[in-house]
Amino acid sequence: MASGILGSVDLGANSDSSVYTVPADTYSVVTVSFCNRGSSTASVRLAVAGSASPGANEYLEYETSIGPNGVLERTGIVAQASKIIVCRSSATSVTAMVMGIETAVPAA
């Protein structure tokens, strides 16, 4: 099982990016960090979704503002197998990184 940095994406403006997908037969405990490298405020979205296009009920953050050179971090996110961490930014100056650990689901 993997641990450490599980996925990282330099986000494009106004498009969803699948940063990390939980492998089959595992669950993951992750932290998602957004880093705004730009000189203007950026708005971000974060979802734990069943597909690359999140539904309204899958967002943890929605249009949350990050100031210039700022960081937003969400910790303690537990996601089951096949869930996708989907991130979005209003600016091209934002990096999204998923860090954590994958754990095998115990046999029944």
C-alpha atoms as a PDB file:
ATOM      1  CA  MET A   1       0.000   0.000   0.000  1.00  0.00           C
ATOM      2  CA  ALA A   2       1.213   3.458  -0.861  1.00  0.00           C
ATOM      3  CA  SER A   3       1.847   6.303   1.552  1.00  0.00           C
ATOM      4  CA  GLY A   4       3.167   9.832   1.290  1.00  0.00           C
ATOM      5  CA  ILE A   5       2.262  11.940  -1.741  1.00  0.00           C
ATOM      6  CA  LEU A   6      -0.529  10.064  -3.544  1.00  0.00           C
ATOM      7  CA  GLY A   7      -1.215  12.648  -6.240  1.00  0.00           C
ATOM      8  CA  SER A   8      -0.351  16.190  -7.300  1.00  0.00           C
ATOM      9  CA  VAL A   9      -1.729  18.405 -10.080  1.00  0.00           C
ATOM     10  CA  ASP A  10      -1.009  21.920 -11.309  1.00  0.00           C
ATOM     11  CA  LEU A  11      -4.666  22.900 -11.780  1.00  0.00           C
ATOM     12  CA  GLY A  12      -5.947  24.501 -14.957  1.00  0.00           C
ATOM     13  CA  ALA A  13      -8.419  27.348 -14.653  1.00  0.00           C
ATOM     14  CA  ASN A  14     -12.100  26.461 -14.291  1.00  0.00           C
ATOM     15  CA  SER A  15     -11.879  22.743 -15.027  1.00  0.00           C
ATOM     16  CA  ASP A  16     -12.159  19.722 -12.739  1.00  0.00           C
ATOM     17  CA  SER A  17      -9.019  17.636 -12.205  1.00  0.00           C
ATOM     18  CA  SER A  18      -8.972  14.113 -10.781  1.00  0.00           C
ATOM     19  CA  VAL A  19      -5.965  14.264  -8.457  1.00  0.00           C
ATOM     20  CA  TYR A  20      -6.193  10.822  -6.831  1.00  0.00           C
ATOM     21  CA  THR A  21      -8.351   7.706  -7.071  1.00  0.00           C
ATOM     22  CA  VAL A  22      -8.539   5.248  -4.177  1.00  0.00           C
ATOM     23  CA  PRO A  23      -7.507   1.787  -5.445  1.00  0.00           C
ATOM     24  CA  ALA A  24      -9.874  -1.201  -5.329  1.00  0.00           C
ATOM     25  CA  ASP A  25      -9.984  -3.163  -2.058  1.00  0.00           C
ATOM     26  CA  THR A  26      -8.505  -0.273  -0.049  1.00  0.00           C
ATOM     27  CA  TYR A  27      -9.528   2.849   1.775  1.00  0.00           C
ATOM     28  CA  SER A  28      -7.399   5.950   2.175  1.00  0.00           C
ATOM     29  CA  VAL A  29      -6.936   8.573   4.856  1.00  0.00           C
ATOM     30  CA  VAL A  30      -5.706  11.738   3.180  1.00  0.00           C
ATOM     31  CA  THR A  31      -4.924  15.413   3.505  1.00  0.00           C
ATOM     32  CA  VAL A  32      -5.580  17.686   0.531  1.00  0.00           C
ATOM     33  CA  SER A  33      -3.503  20.842   0.227  1.00  0.00           C
ATOM     34  CA  PHE A  34      -4.098  23.719  -2.195  1.00  0.00           C
ATOM     35  CA  CYS A  35      -1.197  26.137  -2.751  1.00  0.00           C
ATOM     36  CA  ASN A  36      -1.921  29.428  -4.528  1.00  0.00           C
ATOM     37  CA  ARG A  37       1.387  30.409  -6.131  1.00  0.00           C
ATOM     38  CA  GLY A  38      -0.123  33.499  -7.741  1.00  0.00           C
ATOM     39  CA  SER A  39      -0.396  37.157  -6.824  1.00  0.00           C
ATOM     40  CA  SER A  40      -4.220  37.200  -6.948  1.00  0.00           C
ATOM     41  CA  THR A  41      -6.896  35.480  -4.870  1.00  0.00           C
ATOM     42  CA  ALA A  42      -8.093  32.133  -6.288  1.00  0.00           C
ATOM     43  CA  SER A  43     -11.295  30.195  -5.572  1.00  0.00           C
ATOM     44  CA  VAL A  44     -11.082  26.427  -5.190  1.00  0.00           C
ATOM     45  CA  ARG A  45     -13.383  23.433  -4.996  1.00  0.00           C
ATOM     46  CA  LEU A  46     -12.716  20.026  -3.421  1.00  0.00           C
ATOM     47  CA  ALA A  47     -14.903  16.939  -3.791  1.00  0.00           C
ATOM     48  CA  VAL A  48     -14.716  13.274  -2.807  1.00  0.00           C
ATOM     49  CA  ALA A  49     -16.681  11.888  -5.710  1.00  0.00           C
ATOM     50  CA  GLY A  50     -17.857   8.725  -7.388  1.00  0.00           C
ATOM     51  CA  SER A  51     -16.845  10.086 -10.801  1.00  0.00           C
ATOM     52  CA  ALA A  52     -14.634  12.773 -12.333  1.00  0.00           C
ATOM     53  CA  SER A  53     -17.699  15.064 -12.437  1.00  0.00           C
ATOM     54  CA  PRO A  54     -18.790  15.624  -8.810  1.00  0.00           C
ATOM     55  CA  GLY A  55     -22.413  15.886  -7.789  1.00  0.00           C
ATOM     56  CA  ALA A  56     -23.617  18.743  -5.599  1.00  0.00           C
ATOM     57  CA  ASN A  57     -23.602  16.477  -2.506  1.00  0.00           C
ATOM     58  CA  GLU A  58     -19.934  15.453  -2.915  1.00  0.00           C
ATOM     59  CA  TYR A  59     -18.174  18.772  -2.211  1.00  0.00           C
ATOM     60  CA  LEU A  60     -16.117  19.453   0.937  1.00  0.00           C
ATOM     61  CA  GLU A  61     -15.109  22.934  -0.257  1.00  0.00           C
ATOM     62  CA  TYR A  62     -16.928  25.071  -2.822  1.00  0.00           C
ATOM     63  CA  GLU A  63     -15.616  28.401  -4.134  1.00  0.00           C
ATOM     64  CA  THR A  64     -13.398  28.823  -1.082  1.00  0.00           C
ATOM     65  CA  SER A  65     -11.000  31.771  -1.458  1.00  0.00           C
ATOM     66  CA  ILE A  66      -7.241  31.411  -1.064  1.00  0.00           C
ATOM     67  CA  GLY A  67      -5.252  34.625  -0.926  1.00  0.00           C
ATOM     68  CA  PRO A  68      -2.080  35.317  -2.891  1.00  0.00           C
ATOM     69  CA  ASN A  69       0.699  32.898  -1.885  1.00  0.00           C
ATOM     70  CA  GLY A  70      -1.784  31.240   0.493  1.00  0.00           C
ATOM     71  CA  VAL A  71      -2.567  27.653   1.414  1.00  0.00           C
ATOM     72  CA  LEU A  72      -5.788  25.761   2.182  1.00  0.00           C
ATOM     73  CA  GLU A  73      -5.490  22.332   3.770  1.00  0.00           C
ATOM     74  CA  ARG A  74      -8.205  19.766   4.579  1.00  0.00           C
ATOM     75  CA  THR A  75      -7.128  16.917   6.841  1.00  0.00           C
ATOM     76  CA  GLY A  76      -8.610  13.633   8.010  1.00  0.00           C
ATOM     77  CA  ILE A  77     -10.499  12.802   4.821  1.00  0.00           C
ATOM     78  CA  VAL A  78     -11.416   9.099   4.744  1.00  0.00           C
ATOM     79  CA  ALA A  79     -12.379   7.744   1.323  1.00  0.00           C
ATOM     80  CA  GLN A  80     -13.440   4.258   0.336  1.00  0.00           C
ATOM     81  CA  ALA A  81     -12.337   2.258  -2.705  1.00  0.00           C
ATOM     82  CA  SER A  82     -12.864   3.898  -6.108  1.00  0.00           C
ATOM     83  CA  LYS A  83     -13.605   7.377  -4.715  1.00  0.00           C
ATOM     84  CA  ILE A  84     -11.912  10.207  -6.612  1.00  0.00           C
ATOM     85  CA  ILE A  85     -10.427  13.357  -5.100  1.00  0.00           C
ATOM     86  CA  VAL A  86     -11.510  16.059  -7.564  1.00  0.00           C
ATOM     87  CA  CYS A  87     -10.107  19.601  -7.384  1.00  0.00           C
ATOM     88  CA  ARG A  88     -10.817  22.811  -9.284  1.00  0.00           C
ATOM     89  CA  SER A  89      -9.424  26.352  -9.256  1.00  0.00           C
ATOM     90  CA  SER A  90     -10.414  29.674 -10.780  1.00  0.00           C
ATOM     91  CA  ALA A  91      -6.738  30.363 -11.567  1.00  0.00           C
ATOM     92  CA  THR A  92      -3.842  28.537 -13.213  1.00  0.00           C
ATOM     93  CA  SER A  93      -1.520  29.345 -10.313  1.00  0.00           C
ATOM     94  CA  VAL A  94      -2.866  26.697  -7.910  1.00  0.00           C
ATOM     95  CA  THR A  95      -1.390  23.296  -7.085  1.00  0.00           C
ATOM     96  CA  ALA A  96      -3.475  20.545  -5.464  1.00  0.00           C
ATOM     97  CA  MET A  97      -1.658  17.790  -3.574  1.00  0.00           C
ATOM     98  CA  VAL A  98      -3.078  14.665  -1.916  1.00  0.00           C
ATOM     99  CA  MET A  99      -0.955  13.142   0.862  1.00  0.00           C
ATOM    100  CA  GLY A 100      -1.864  10.172   3.009  1.00  0.00           C
ATOM    101  CA  ILE A 101      -1.962   6.424   3.371  1.00  0.00           C
ATOM    102  CA  GLU A 102      -3.748   3.559   1.654  1.00  0.00           C
ATOM    103  CA  THR A 103      -4.963   0.677   3.816  1.00  0.00           C
ATOM    104  CA  ALA A 104      -6.257  -2.711   2.711  1.00  0.00           C
ATOM    105  CA  VAL A 105      -9.880  -3.449   3.492  1.00  0.00           C
ATOM    106  CA  PRO A 106      -9.968  -6.454   5.859  1.00  0.00           C
ATOM    107  CA  ALA A 107     -11.454  -9.655   4.446  1.00  0.00           C
ATOM    108  CA  ALA A 108     -14.953 -10.383   5.708  1.00  0.00           C
END
